[in-house]
Each structure stands twice: as structure tokens, then as C-alpha cells.
């Protein structure tokens, strides 16, 4: 199972890079990403309300 373990920093970086910047086209600092015990929390505002569900599902 160790192969599936990732650090919280790795998860945070992936959500920021692939979801927020890559998929949504946001600046990397537009939404704060926190990871604790494998749970991702997003904090911030998006210009389009329709991007919120995508950000949540993708994270």
C-alpha cells in the first residue's frame, strides 16, 4: 500500500497545477489549497460559479 501514499504537499501541488491552473486556467494563487490527512480544502473565490463544481470534483 505504500506505493499509494503521497505527501500532503504532493497532493496540494497536483490540485493547484492540474486542476486550478491546468483545467480552470486560474493563477496559481487564486484559490488556497489545504490538505490535511488526505482531505483537500479549497478556499477562495472564482469568477464563474459554474467552475465551483468542477474544482470540487477534480480536487
C-alpha atoms as a PDB file:
ATOM      1  CA  UNK A   1       0.000   0.000   0.000  1.00  0.00           C
ATOM      2  CA  UNK A   2       2.963   2.338   0.480  1.00  0.00           C
ATOM      3  CA  UNK A   3       3.049   2.932  -3.282  1.00  0.00           C
ATOM      4  CA  UNK A   4      -0.272   4.769  -2.996  1.00  0.00           C
ATOM      5  CA  UNK A   5       0.831   7.060  -0.179  1.00  0.00           C
ATOM      6  CA  UNK A   6       1.617  10.617  -1.201  1.00  0.00           C
ATOM      7  CA  UNK A   7       2.625  13.566   0.879  1.00  0.00           C
ATOM      8  CA  UNK A   8       0.133  16.320   1.549  1.00  0.00           C
ATOM      9  CA  UNK A   9       2.437  18.695  -0.323  1.00  0.00           C
ATOM     10  CA  UNK A  10       2.331  16.443  -3.407  1.00  0.00           C
ATOM     11  CA  UNK A  11      -1.470  16.395  -3.309  1.00  0.00           C
ATOM     12  CA  UNK A  12      -1.634  20.173  -2.830  1.00  0.00           C
ATOM     13  CA  UNK A  13       0.753  20.755  -5.723  1.00  0.00           C
ATOM     14  CA  UNK A  14      -1.201  18.435  -8.031  1.00  0.00           C
ATOM     15  CA  UNK A  15      -4.537  20.100  -7.247  1.00  0.00           C
ATOM     16  CA  UNK A  16      -3.007  23.542  -7.809  1.00  0.00           C
ATOM     17  CA  UNK A  17      -1.143  22.662 -11.008  1.00  0.00           C
ATOM     18  CA  UNK A  18      -3.546  20.259 -12.715  1.00  0.00           C
ATOM     19  CA  UNK A  19      -6.965  21.450 -11.529  1.00  0.00           C
ATOM     20  CA  UNK A  20      -6.773  25.147 -10.779  1.00  0.00           C
ATOM     21  CA  UNK A  21      -4.123  26.225 -13.287  1.00  0.00           C
ATOM     22  CA  UNK A  22      -4.429  23.471 -15.905  1.00  0.00           C
ATOM     23  CA  UNK A  23      -8.173  22.786 -16.091  1.00  0.00           C
ATOM     24  CA  UNK A  24      -9.613  26.097 -14.909  1.00  0.00           C
ATOM     25  CA  UNK A  25      -6.903  28.439 -16.185  1.00  0.00           C
ATOM     26  CA  UNK A  26      -6.565  30.266 -12.876  1.00  0.00           C
ATOM     27  CA  UNK A  27      -3.438  31.882 -11.477  1.00  0.00           C
ATOM     28  CA  UNK A  28      -1.738  29.519  -9.032  1.00  0.00           C
ATOM     29  CA  UNK A  29      -2.565  31.799  -6.088  1.00  0.00           C
ATOM     30  CA  UNK A  30      -6.251  32.366  -6.962  1.00  0.00           C
ATOM     31  CA  UNK A  31      -7.501  29.650  -4.606  1.00  0.00           C
ATOM     32  CA  UNK A  32      -5.755  28.446  -1.465  1.00  0.00           C
ATOM     33  CA  UNK A  33      -5.373  24.671  -1.293  1.00  0.00           C
ATOM     34  CA  UNK A  34      -5.017  22.976   2.078  1.00  0.00           C
ATOM     35  CA  UNK A  35      -4.500  19.242   2.610  1.00  0.00           C
ATOM     36  CA  UNK A  36      -4.760  17.534   5.962  1.00  0.00           C
ATOM     37  CA  UNK A  37      -4.948  13.780   6.472  1.00  0.00           C
ATOM     38  CA  UNK A  38      -5.633  13.379   2.734  1.00  0.00           C
ATOM     39  CA  UNK A  39      -8.621  15.750   2.734  1.00  0.00           C
ATOM     40  CA  UNK A  40      -8.395  18.686   0.323  1.00  0.00           C
ATOM     41  CA  UNK A  41      -9.931  22.031   1.263  1.00  0.00           C
ATOM     42  CA  UNK A  42     -10.224  24.870  -1.247  1.00  0.00           C
ATOM     43  CA  UNK A  43     -10.615  28.461  -0.080  1.00  0.00           C
ATOM     44  CA  UNK A  44     -11.158  31.432  -2.350  1.00  0.00           C
ATOM     45  CA  UNK A  45     -13.436  32.964  -4.953  1.00  0.00           C
ATOM     46  CA  UNK A  46     -13.912  32.042  -8.586  1.00  0.00           C
ATOM     47  CA  UNK A  47     -15.179  34.378 -11.285  1.00  0.00           C
ATOM     48  CA  UNK A  48     -17.652  31.839 -12.638  1.00  0.00           C
ATOM     49  CA  UNK A  49     -19.959  29.980 -10.322  1.00  0.00           C
ATOM     50  CA  UNK A  50     -20.038  27.126 -12.840  1.00  0.00           C
ATOM     51  CA  UNK A  51     -16.339  26.431 -12.104  1.00  0.00           C
ATOM     52  CA  UNK A  52     -17.028  25.575  -8.456  1.00  0.00           C
ATOM     53  CA  UNK A  53     -18.431  22.048  -9.022  1.00  0.00           C
ATOM     54  CA  UNK A  54     -15.588  21.237 -11.430  1.00  0.00           C
ATOM     55  CA  UNK A  55     -12.974  22.385  -8.929  1.00  0.00           C
ATOM     56  CA  UNK A  56     -14.585  20.347  -6.152  1.00  0.00           C
ATOM     57  CA  UNK A  57     -14.964  17.135  -8.194  1.00  0.00           C
ATOM     58  CA  UNK A  58     -11.470  17.391  -9.625  1.00  0.00           C
ATOM     59  CA  UNK A  59      -9.809  18.030  -6.288  1.00  0.00           C
END
